[in-house]
Structures are given as structure tokens and as C-alpha cells.
């Protein structure tokens, strides 16, 4: 697969995925159909303990995009919640208050900590929420979320800045914190075949309670419905509160996961 790094030596800059990868995003439809076909296997994932899960959509997406994820996790025994904030038009600072209010609403109603599953920009919000309100957050899973390194290395940067009215360089301190270690367990699921964001921007710093999981050949648009990604999300959320162990790649979708040593930082 072509290297998505910027060619300027010593610049430390990354570039967005190549046009070929962007055009290949159409394969997301096949990923969705594969999940439907493999639903009997997906239902063999570890069952949930009923704790609440808030699903956060990506840029320009709405709750509809996260409906398959919510339905799947709901069938596994979780109490799933939509974000109910309409279409995600971006703006980290602008969305903070509403997101925290939604999190507090779910936490207050259930009396339990809430796991956050965020797709793309939704994952950036999820990590920020965990920093702002760790007492209400149990676990964070991000899917193709560009929160680390050179976060401008996406094919959506110009559109994001135009729609949100917020430059990617704004709020540098907050973005640096989002890229760092979280006070709660976290998993970043990503693909080197992502045609929207440079996969290196999705890498967190591995630790005793944080890990990266690479899904082979997944698209950006398809990560939220990709069967291997869905299995990984369910497996991670099934861990008891306050506990963490590395993802076991030997399940029914073992062939779809890269070995953990490939998930190295830039």
C-alpha cells in the first residue's frame, strides 16, 4: 500500500491518503453487507453487562450512521444511546457543552459510567469528553479518528474548516491533551486502507490500559459497520469496569487483524 507520509524530509508533516484510497471508500457497502452476512458470528462476541454506551457520529454524519453499531451493541446487552445533536457539523469548542450535557444525562439516568464509541470526528469528541469528565466515562473506543500527530492529514480538512468555522490548528492545548494519555481505558481502531484520514493520526500511545487495533483493508466510511471492527468494539466494551487486558486477535475474525507490533507510532 502506498506510504501516506509527506515527502518533505524532516518536516514532520503527513499528507492525506492518496486519491486511489479515497475513491476506494465505495467498498464500505461491501463491509456493511459482510456484517449482515456474518451476523451469526458477530453474535458470538462477549455479552455486555448492561452499562450505557453513547455512540458519536463522524463529521457530517448523524445518528443514522451509528444505528447499526447501536443495534448490534444493544443486541449484545448494552444500553445504547444516540447523541441526539443532529448532523455533526464539527467544532470542538462549540460542541463541548452539549456533549457534556448529553453524557451527564445518560450517566444520571443510569447511575453508571458511560462507554463512548466515536467514529472519526466523533472519536475526537469522545477523547475530549473523557478528559473533561472522567468520573462519568468508563471506556473510549475510537474508529478512524484523527486525534494524533499531524491531524491536518485528512481529505476532509478544508471542508471541516469551512463548515465548522474552526481551524484545525485552533485550541492547540486541547488537541495536544486529546492526543495524549486518557484517564480511562481506550482503544483506537484504524485501517491503513483509510481513504479519508492518514492512519498515523489514529495512533494512541500504547500503555497498560490503551491499545491500537488495525483492521486490514477496512475503509474509513465502513469502519463503523465492518464486521471485524464491530467484533473488536464489542470485545473491548465487555471488559469489567476498571479492568483492561490486550485484545485477543484469535477470534472468528482473526484474519482481519494486523499483529499488535504493526501499530507503531510515527
C-alpha atoms as a PDB file:
ATOM      1  CA  UNK A   1       0.000   0.000   0.000  1.00  0.00           C
ATOM      2  CA  UNK A   2       1.407   3.465  -0.827  1.00  0.00           C
ATOM      3  CA  UNK A   3       3.055   5.340   2.002  1.00  0.00           C
ATOM      4  CA  UNK A   4       0.950   8.332   3.017  1.00  0.00           C
ATOM      5  CA  UNK A   5       3.831  10.325   4.526  1.00  0.00           C
ATOM      6  CA  UNK A   6       4.720  13.762   3.244  1.00  0.00           C
ATOM      7  CA  UNK A   7       7.789  13.681   1.055  1.00  0.00           C
ATOM      8  CA  UNK A   8       9.479  16.706   2.659  1.00  0.00           C
ATOM      9  CA  UNK A   9      12.467  15.397   4.613  1.00  0.00           C
ATOM     10  CA  UNK A  10      12.497  16.322   8.282  1.00  0.00           C
ATOM     11  CA  UNK A  11       9.228  18.257   8.003  1.00  0.00           C
ATOM     12  CA  UNK A  12       7.361  16.015  10.416  1.00  0.00           C
ATOM     13  CA  UNK A  13       4.294  16.561   8.240  1.00  0.00           C
ATOM     14  CA  UNK A  14       1.974  13.916   6.929  1.00  0.00           C
ATOM     15  CA  UNK A  15      -0.193  14.089   3.865  1.00  0.00           C
ATOM     16  CA  UNK A  16      -3.778  12.928   3.329  1.00  0.00           C
ATOM     17  CA  UNK A  17      -4.406   9.477   1.848  1.00  0.00           C
ATOM     18  CA  UNK A  18      -3.879   9.184  -1.899  1.00  0.00           C
ATOM     19  CA  UNK A  19      -6.716   9.665  -4.372  1.00  0.00           C
ATOM     20  CA  UNK A  20      -6.848   5.929  -5.080  1.00  0.00           C
ATOM     21  CA  UNK A  21      -7.613   5.169  -1.442  1.00  0.00           C
ATOM     22  CA  UNK A  22     -10.239   7.909  -1.338  1.00  0.00           C
ATOM     23  CA  UNK A  23     -12.001   6.510  -4.390  1.00  0.00           C
ATOM     24  CA  UNK A  24     -11.854   3.035  -2.874  1.00  0.00           C
ATOM     25  CA  UNK A  25     -14.054   4.181   0.010  1.00  0.00           C
ATOM     26  CA  UNK A  26     -17.009   2.896  -2.001  1.00  0.00           C
ATOM     27  CA  UNK A  27     -16.169  -0.568  -0.669  1.00  0.00           C
ATOM     28  CA  UNK A  28     -17.922   0.433   2.568  1.00  0.00           C
ATOM     29  CA  UNK A  29     -21.105  -1.016   1.082  1.00  0.00           C
ATOM     30  CA  UNK A  30     -19.449  -4.433   0.906  1.00  0.00           C
ATOM     31  CA  UNK A  31     -18.322  -4.108   4.525  1.00  0.00           C
ATOM     32  CA  UNK A  32     -21.901  -3.430   5.586  1.00  0.00           C
ATOM     33  CA  UNK A  33     -23.200  -6.385   3.578  1.00  0.00           C
ATOM     34  CA  UNK A  34     -20.484  -8.578   5.080  1.00  0.00           C
ATOM     35  CA  UNK A  35     -21.696  -7.664   8.570  1.00  0.00           C
ATOM     36  CA  UNK A  36     -25.233  -8.704   7.647  1.00  0.00           C
ATOM     37  CA  UNK A  37     -23.989 -11.972   6.190  1.00  0.00           C
ATOM     38  CA  UNK A  38     -21.763 -12.703   9.183  1.00  0.00           C
ATOM     39  CA  UNK A  39     -24.260 -11.639  11.858  1.00  0.00           C
ATOM     40  CA  UNK A  40     -24.418 -15.166  13.378  1.00  0.00           C
ATOM     41  CA  UNK A  41     -20.665 -14.977  14.004  1.00  0.00           C
ATOM     42  CA  UNK A  42     -20.903 -11.422  15.339  1.00  0.00           C
ATOM     43  CA  UNK A  43     -23.465 -12.504  17.914  1.00  0.00           C
ATOM     44  CA  UNK A  44     -20.866 -14.834  19.430  1.00  0.00           C
ATOM     45  CA  UNK A  45     -18.997 -11.813  20.787  1.00  0.00           C
ATOM     46  CA  UNK A  46     -18.794 -11.392  24.588  1.00  0.00           C
ATOM     47  CA  UNK A  47     -22.057 -10.189  26.098  1.00  0.00           C
ATOM     48  CA  UNK A  48     -22.382  -6.781  27.670  1.00  0.00           C
ATOM     49  CA  UNK A  49     -23.260  -6.105  31.311  1.00  0.00           C
ATOM     50  CA  UNK A  50     -25.985  -3.574  30.527  1.00  0.00           C
ATOM     51  CA  UNK A  51     -23.908  -0.452  31.064  1.00  0.00           C
ATOM     52  CA  UNK A  52     -24.706   2.571  28.873  1.00  0.00           C
ATOM     53  CA  UNK A  53     -22.867   3.246  25.609  1.00  0.00           C
ATOM     54  CA  UNK A  54     -23.028   6.599  23.820  1.00  0.00           C
ATOM     55  CA  UNK A  55     -22.346   6.465  20.068  1.00  0.00           C
ATOM     56  CA  UNK A  56     -20.891   9.612  18.478  1.00  0.00           C
ATOM     57  CA  UNK A  57     -21.083  10.043  14.668  1.00  0.00           C
ATOM     58  CA  UNK A  58     -18.389  11.358  12.360  1.00  0.00           C
ATOM     59  CA  UNK A  59     -18.160  14.674  10.551  1.00  0.00           C
ATOM     60  CA  UNK A  60     -21.310  15.498   8.520  1.00  0.00           C
ATOM     61  CA  UNK A  61     -22.943  12.278   9.754  1.00  0.00           C
ATOM     62  CA  UNK A  62     -25.970  11.897  12.013  1.00  0.00           C
ATOM     63  CA  UNK A  63     -27.276   9.306  14.454  1.00  0.00           C
ATOM     64  CA  UNK A  64     -28.413   7.257  11.458  1.00  0.00           C
ATOM     65  CA  UNK A  65     -24.778   6.390  10.647  1.00  0.00           C
ATOM     66  CA  UNK A  66     -24.327   4.849  14.098  1.00  0.00           C
ATOM     67  CA  UNK A  67     -27.622   2.930  14.044  1.00  0.00           C
ATOM     68  CA  UNK A  68     -26.036  -0.416  13.006  1.00  0.00           C
ATOM     69  CA  UNK A  69     -23.465  -0.076  15.813  1.00  0.00           C
ATOM     70  CA  UNK A  70     -26.133   0.786  18.384  1.00  0.00           C
ATOM     71  CA  UNK A  71     -28.350  -2.067  17.261  1.00  0.00           C
ATOM     72  CA  UNK A  72     -25.503  -4.574  17.412  1.00  0.00           C
ATOM     73  CA  UNK A  73     -24.375  -3.487  20.875  1.00  0.00           C
ATOM     74  CA  UNK A  74     -27.984  -3.374  22.055  1.00  0.00           C
ATOM     75  CA  UNK A  75     -28.467  -6.995  20.985  1.00  0.00           C
ATOM     76  CA  UNK A  76     -25.371  -7.896  22.995  1.00  0.00           C
ATOM     77  CA  UNK A  77     -26.924  -6.460  26.140  1.00  0.00           C
ATOM     78  CA  UNK A  78     -25.747  -2.851  26.303  1.00  0.00           C
ATOM     79  CA  UNK A  79     -27.943   0.175  26.941  1.00  0.00           C
ATOM     80  CA  UNK A  80     -27.178   2.139  23.783  1.00  0.00           C
ATOM     81  CA  UNK A  81     -27.740   5.843  23.242  1.00  0.00           C
ATOM     82  CA  UNK A  82     -27.704   8.181  20.249  1.00  0.00           C
ATOM     83  CA  UNK A  83     -26.131  11.595  20.631  1.00  0.00           C
ATOM     84  CA  UNK A  84     -29.358  13.462  19.578  1.00  0.00           C
ATOM     85  CA  UNK A  85     -27.481  16.526  18.398  1.00  0.00           C
ATOM     86  CA  UNK A  86     -28.397  16.394  14.718  1.00  0.00           C
ATOM     87  CA  UNK A  87     -25.813  16.325  11.967  1.00  0.00           C
ATOM     88  CA  UNK A  88     -22.220  16.608  13.140  1.00  0.00           C
ATOM     89  CA  UNK A  89     -21.036  19.895  11.642  1.00  0.00           C
ATOM     90  CA  UNK A  90     -17.849  19.995  13.669  1.00  0.00           C
ATOM     91  CA  UNK A  91     -16.362  22.482  16.085  1.00  0.00           C
ATOM     92  CA  UNK A  92     -14.587  21.026  19.104  1.00  0.00           C
ATOM     93  CA  UNK A  93     -15.171  24.030  21.376  1.00  0.00           C
ATOM     94  CA  UNK A  94     -18.702  24.624  20.122  1.00  0.00           C
ATOM     95  CA  UNK A  95     -19.817  21.041  20.757  1.00  0.00           C
ATOM     96  CA  UNK A  96     -18.276  20.601  24.215  1.00  0.00           C
ATOM     97  CA  UNK A  97     -21.133  21.918  26.322  1.00  0.00           C
ATOM     98  CA  UNK A  98     -23.821  19.931  24.525  1.00  0.00           C
ATOM     99  CA  UNK A  99     -21.784  16.736  24.576  1.00  0.00           C
ATOM    100  CA  UNK A 100     -21.068  17.008  28.272  1.00  0.00           C
ATOM    101  CA  UNK A 101     -24.752  17.666  28.978  1.00  0.00           C
ATOM    102  CA  UNK A 102     -25.739  14.567  26.975  1.00  0.00           C
ATOM    103  CA  UNK A 103     -23.156  12.475  28.812  1.00  0.00           C
ATOM    104  CA  UNK A 104     -24.370  13.765  32.186  1.00  0.00           C
ATOM    105  CA  UNK A 105     -27.973  12.985  31.220  1.00  0.00           C
ATOM    106  CA  UNK A 106     -27.160   9.353  30.425  1.00  0.00           C
ATOM    107  CA  UNK A 107     -24.903   8.954  33.449  1.00  0.00           C
ATOM    108  CA  UNK A 108     -27.505  10.439  35.778  1.00  0.00           C
ATOM    109  CA  UNK A 109     -30.344   8.298  34.432  1.00  0.00           C
ATOM    110  CA  UNK A 110     -28.403   5.031  34.602  1.00  0.00           C
ATOM    111  CA  UNK A 111     -26.264   5.691  37.665  1.00  0.00           C
ATOM    112  CA  UNK A 112     -23.380   4.037  35.830  1.00  0.00           C
ATOM    113  CA  UNK A 113     -20.325   5.192  33.931  1.00  0.00           C
ATOM    114  CA  UNK A 114     -20.810   5.516  30.179  1.00  0.00           C
ATOM    115  CA  UNK A 115     -18.638   3.963  27.475  1.00  0.00           C
ATOM    116  CA  UNK A 116     -18.060   6.180  24.440  1.00  0.00           C
ATOM    117  CA  UNK A 117     -17.782   4.873  20.875  1.00  0.00           C
ATOM    118  CA  UNK A 118     -16.814   7.574  18.398  1.00  0.00           C
ATOM    119  CA  UNK A 119     -16.413   7.286  14.650  1.00  0.00           C
ATOM    120  CA  UNK A 120     -13.910   9.663  13.022  1.00  0.00           C
ATOM    121  CA  UNK A 121     -14.570  13.169  14.444  1.00  0.00           C
ATOM    122  CA  UNK A 122     -16.914  11.541  16.955  1.00  0.00           C
ATOM    123  CA  UNK A 123     -13.882   9.766  18.392  1.00  0.00           C
ATOM    124  CA  UNK A 124     -12.090  13.083  18.868  1.00  0.00           C
ATOM    125  CA  UNK A 125     -15.120  14.274  20.832  1.00  0.00           C
ATOM    126  CA  UNK A 126     -15.092  11.039  22.838  1.00  0.00           C
ATOM    127  CA  UNK A 127     -11.482  11.501  23.893  1.00  0.00           C
ATOM    128  CA  UNK A 128     -12.148  15.113  24.822  1.00  0.00           C
ATOM    129  CA  UNK A 129     -15.176  14.070  26.906  1.00  0.00           C
ATOM    130  CA  UNK A 130     -13.051  11.537  28.777  1.00  0.00           C
ATOM    131  CA  UNK A 131     -10.630  14.313  29.669  1.00  0.00           C
ATOM    132  CA  UNK A 132     -13.381  16.704  30.714  1.00  0.00           C
ATOM    133  CA  UNK A 133     -15.494  14.253  32.726  1.00  0.00           C
ATOM    134  CA  UNK A 134     -13.532  11.084  33.607  1.00  0.00           C
ATOM    135  CA  UNK A 135     -15.846  10.443  36.550  1.00  0.00           C
ATOM    136  CA  UNK A 136     -18.653   9.709  34.058  1.00  0.00           C
ATOM    137  CA  UNK A 137     -16.688   7.742  31.429  1.00  0.00           C
ATOM    138  CA  UNK A 138     -15.928   4.033  31.602  1.00  0.00           C
ATOM    139  CA  UNK A 139     -14.155   3.308  28.289  1.00  0.00           C
ATOM    140  CA  UNK A 140     -13.366   5.063  24.998  1.00  0.00           C
ATOM    141  CA  UNK A 141     -13.289   3.373  21.598  1.00  0.00           C
ATOM    142  CA  UNK A 142     -12.421   5.400  18.509  1.00  0.00           C
ATOM    143  CA  UNK A 143     -12.874   4.323  14.891  1.00  0.00           C
ATOM    144  CA  UNK A 144     -10.650   6.004  12.315  1.00  0.00           C
ATOM    145  CA  UNK A 145     -10.357   9.125  14.476  1.00  0.00           C
ATOM    146  CA  UNK A 146      -7.600  11.635  13.597  1.00  0.00           C
ATOM    147  CA  UNK A 147      -6.553  12.843  17.044  1.00  0.00           C
ATOM    148  CA  UNK A 148      -2.756  12.356  16.997  1.00  0.00           C
ATOM    149  CA  UNK A 149       0.303  13.612  15.145  1.00  0.00           C
ATOM    150  CA  UNK A 150      -0.469  15.893  12.173  1.00  0.00           C
ATOM    151  CA  UNK A 151      -4.270  15.986  12.365  1.00  0.00           C
ATOM    152  CA  UNK A 152      -4.471  18.078   9.185  1.00  0.00           C
ATOM    153  CA  UNK A 153      -3.512  14.974   7.184  1.00  0.00           C
ATOM    154  CA  UNK A 154      -7.050  14.189   6.095  1.00  0.00           C
ATOM    155  CA  UNK A 155      -9.033  14.615   2.903  1.00  0.00           C
ATOM    156  CA  UNK A 156     -11.735  16.409   4.884  1.00  0.00           C
ATOM    157  CA  UNK A 157      -9.663  19.188   6.496  1.00  0.00           C
ATOM    158  CA  UNK A 158     -10.667  22.017   4.141  1.00  0.00           C
ATOM    159  CA  UNK A 159     -14.340  21.052   4.284  1.00  0.00           C
ATOM    160  CA  UNK A 160     -14.200  20.741   8.079  1.00  0.00           C
ATOM    161  CA  UNK A 161     -12.749  24.212   8.456  1.00  0.00           C
ATOM    162  CA  UNK A 162     -15.285  25.704   6.022  1.00  0.00           C
ATOM    163  CA  UNK A 163     -18.327  24.093   7.665  1.00  0.00           C
ATOM    164  CA  UNK A 164     -17.319  24.321  11.323  1.00  0.00           C
ATOM    165  CA  UNK A 165     -15.684  27.735  11.144  1.00  0.00           C
ATOM    166  CA  UNK A 166     -12.873  26.294  13.247  1.00  0.00           C
ATOM    167  CA  UNK A 167      -9.307  25.859  12.051  1.00  0.00           C
ATOM    168  CA  UNK A 168      -7.623  22.555  12.816  1.00  0.00           C
ATOM    169  CA  UNK A 169      -4.752  24.487  14.407  1.00  0.00           C
ATOM    170  CA  UNK A 170      -7.098  26.167  16.902  1.00  0.00           C
ATOM    171  CA  UNK A 171      -7.131  25.073  20.543  1.00  0.00           C
ATOM    172  CA  UNK A 172      -3.655  23.570  20.325  1.00  0.00           C
ATOM    173  CA  UNK A 173      -3.516  22.840  24.054  1.00  0.00           C
ATOM    174  CA  UNK A 174      -6.789  20.902  23.984  1.00  0.00           C
ATOM    175  CA  UNK A 175      -5.748  18.959  20.910  1.00  0.00           C
ATOM    176  CA  UNK A 176      -2.429  18.052  22.497  1.00  0.00           C
ATOM    177  CA  UNK A 177      -4.281  16.714  25.543  1.00  0.00           C
ATOM    178  CA  UNK A 178      -6.656  14.717  23.335  1.00  0.00           C
ATOM    179  CA  UNK A 179      -3.663  13.091  21.649  1.00  0.00           C
ATOM    180  CA  UNK A 180      -2.109  12.150  24.991  1.00  0.00           C
ATOM    181  CA  UNK A 181      -2.934   9.540  27.593  1.00  0.00           C
ATOM    182  CA  UNK A 182      -6.526   9.430  28.813  1.00  0.00           C
ATOM    183  CA  UNK A 183      -7.593   8.922  32.435  1.00  0.00           C
ATOM    184  CA  UNK A 184      -9.755   5.959  31.308  1.00  0.00           C
ATOM    185  CA  UNK A 185      -9.044   2.811  29.238  1.00  0.00           C
ATOM    186  CA  UNK A 186      -9.038   3.437  25.494  1.00  0.00           C
ATOM    187  CA  UNK A 187      -8.813   1.596  22.190  1.00  0.00           C
ATOM    188  CA  UNK A 188      -8.167   3.079  18.763  1.00  0.00           C
ATOM    189  CA  UNK A 189      -9.400   1.000  15.819  1.00  0.00           C
ATOM    190  CA  UNK A 190      -7.979   2.066  12.469  1.00  0.00           C
ATOM    191  CA  UNK A 191      -7.050   0.899   8.969  1.00  0.00           C
ATOM    192  CA  UNK A 192      -4.081   1.620   6.732  1.00  0.00           C
ATOM    193  CA  UNK A 193      -6.592   1.430   3.894  1.00  0.00           C
ATOM    194  CA  UNK A 194      -8.416   4.510   5.241  1.00  0.00           C
ATOM    195  CA  UNK A 195      -9.071   6.846   2.326  1.00  0.00           C
ATOM    196  CA  UNK A 196     -10.105   9.875   4.398  1.00  0.00           C
ATOM    197  CA  UNK A 197      -7.594  10.208   7.239  1.00  0.00           C
ATOM    198  CA  UNK A 198      -3.923   9.296   7.363  1.00  0.00           C
ATOM    199  CA  UNK A 199      -3.866   6.192   9.569  1.00  0.00           C
ATOM    200  CA  UNK A 200      -0.933   7.533  11.586  1.00  0.00           C
ATOM    201  CA  UNK A 201      -3.194  10.236  13.003  1.00  0.00           C
ATOM    202  CA  UNK A 202      -5.268   7.482  14.653  1.00  0.00           C
ATOM    203  CA  UNK A 203      -2.468   6.002  16.753  1.00  0.00           C
ATOM    204  CA  UNK A 204      -2.611   6.425  20.508  1.00  0.00           C
ATOM    205  CA  UNK A 205       0.330   5.777  22.817  1.00  0.00           C
ATOM    206  CA  UNK A 206       0.027   2.110  23.889  1.00  0.00           C
ATOM    207  CA  UNK A 207       0.075   1.523  27.637  1.00  0.00           C
ATOM    208  CA  UNK A 208      -1.277  -0.797  30.287  1.00  0.00           C
ATOM    209  CA  UNK A 209      -4.784   0.458  29.526  1.00  0.00           C
ATOM    210  CA  UNK A 210      -4.601   1.727  25.950  1.00  0.00           C
ATOM    211  CA  UNK A 211      -4.059  -0.033  22.623  1.00  0.00           C
ATOM    212  CA  UNK A 212      -4.317   0.253  18.858  1.00  0.00           C
ATOM    213  CA  UNK A 213      -6.125  -2.333  16.730  1.00  0.00           C
ATOM    214  CA  UNK A 214      -5.502  -2.326  12.992  1.00  0.00           C
ATOM    215  CA  UNK A 215      -8.195  -3.820  10.769  1.00  0.00           C
ATOM    216  CA  UNK A 216      -6.855  -4.906   7.387  1.00  0.00           C
ATOM    217  CA  UNK A 217      -8.364  -3.298   4.268  1.00  0.00           C
ATOM    218  CA  UNK A 218     -11.200  -1.517   6.110  1.00  0.00           C
ATOM    219  CA  UNK A 219     -12.386   1.790   4.674  1.00  0.00           C
ATOM    220  CA  UNK A 220     -12.962   4.941   6.692  1.00  0.00           C
ATOM    221  CA  UNK A 221     -16.643   5.082   5.791  1.00  0.00           C
ATOM    222  CA  UNK A 222     -17.002   1.376   6.525  1.00  0.00           C
ATOM    223  CA  UNK A 223     -15.229   1.137   9.878  1.00  0.00           C
ATOM    224  CA  UNK A 224     -18.446   1.559  11.824  1.00  0.00           C
ATOM    225  CA  UNK A 225     -20.087  -1.365  10.021  1.00  0.00           C
ATOM    226  CA  UNK A 226     -17.053  -3.540   9.284  1.00  0.00           C
ATOM    227  CA  UNK A 227     -17.605  -6.952  10.940  1.00  0.00           C
ATOM    228  CA  UNK A 228     -14.068  -7.200  12.351  1.00  0.00           C
ATOM    229  CA  UNK A 229     -14.312  -3.676  13.757  1.00  0.00           C
ATOM    230  CA  UNK A 230     -17.731  -4.412  15.285  1.00  0.00           C
ATOM    231  CA  UNK A 231     -16.341  -7.537  16.960  1.00  0.00           C
ATOM    232  CA  UNK A 232     -13.405  -5.575  18.365  1.00  0.00           C
ATOM    233  CA  UNK A 233     -15.698  -2.881  19.778  1.00  0.00           C
ATOM    234  CA  UNK A 234     -17.904  -5.478  21.469  1.00  0.00           C
ATOM    235  CA  UNK A 235     -14.904  -7.334  22.874  1.00  0.00           C
ATOM    236  CA  UNK A 236     -13.366  -4.183  24.342  1.00  0.00           C
ATOM    237  CA  UNK A 237     -16.595  -2.945  25.934  1.00  0.00           C
ATOM    238  CA  UNK A 238     -17.188  -6.338  27.564  1.00  0.00           C
ATOM    239  CA  UNK A 239     -14.226  -5.888  29.920  1.00  0.00           C
ATOM    240  CA  UNK A 240     -15.267  -5.365  33.547  1.00  0.00           C
ATOM    241  CA  UNK A 241     -15.218  -1.769  34.709  1.00  0.00           C
ATOM    242  CA  UNK A 242     -11.761  -0.711  35.828  1.00  0.00           C
ATOM    243  CA  UNK A 243     -10.037  -3.681  34.164  1.00  0.00           C
ATOM    244  CA  UNK A 244      -8.059  -3.906  30.935  1.00  0.00           C
ATOM    245  CA  UNK A 245      -6.337  -6.658  29.011  1.00  0.00           C
ATOM    246  CA  UNK A 246      -4.941  -6.698  25.459  1.00  0.00           C
ATOM    247  CA  UNK A 247      -7.282  -7.523  22.612  1.00  0.00           C
ATOM    248  CA  UNK A 248      -7.270 -11.210  21.683  1.00  0.00           C
ATOM    249  CA  UNK A 249      -6.889 -11.413  17.904  1.00  0.00           C
ATOM    250  CA  UNK A 250      -7.580 -15.156  17.735  1.00  0.00           C
ATOM    251  CA  UNK A 251     -11.375 -14.977  17.429  1.00  0.00           C
ATOM    252  CA  UNK A 252     -13.524 -15.679  14.349  1.00  0.00           C
ATOM    253  CA  UNK A 253     -12.198 -12.561  12.580  1.00  0.00           C
ATOM    254  CA  UNK A 254      -8.534 -13.233  13.356  1.00  0.00           C
ATOM    255  CA  UNK A 255      -7.518 -12.961   9.700  1.00  0.00           C
ATOM    256  CA  UNK A 256      -8.740  -9.345   9.617  1.00  0.00           C
ATOM    257  CA  UNK A 257      -6.408  -8.008  12.327  1.00  0.00           C
ATOM    258  CA  UNK A 258      -2.811  -6.955  11.988  1.00  0.00           C
ATOM    259  CA  UNK A 259      -0.417  -8.145  14.711  1.00  0.00           C
ATOM    260  CA  UNK A 260      -0.074  -5.610  17.545  1.00  0.00           C
ATOM    261  CA  UNK A 261       3.567  -4.873  16.744  1.00  0.00           C
ATOM    262  CA  UNK A 262       2.466  -3.172  13.495  1.00  0.00           C
ATOM    263  CA  UNK A 263       0.624  -0.493  15.464  1.00  0.00           C
ATOM    264  CA  UNK A 264       3.663   1.700  16.000  1.00  0.00           C
ATOM    265  CA  UNK A 265       3.686   5.453  16.360  1.00  0.00           C
ATOM    266  CA  UNK A 266       5.216   7.813  13.840  1.00  0.00           C
END
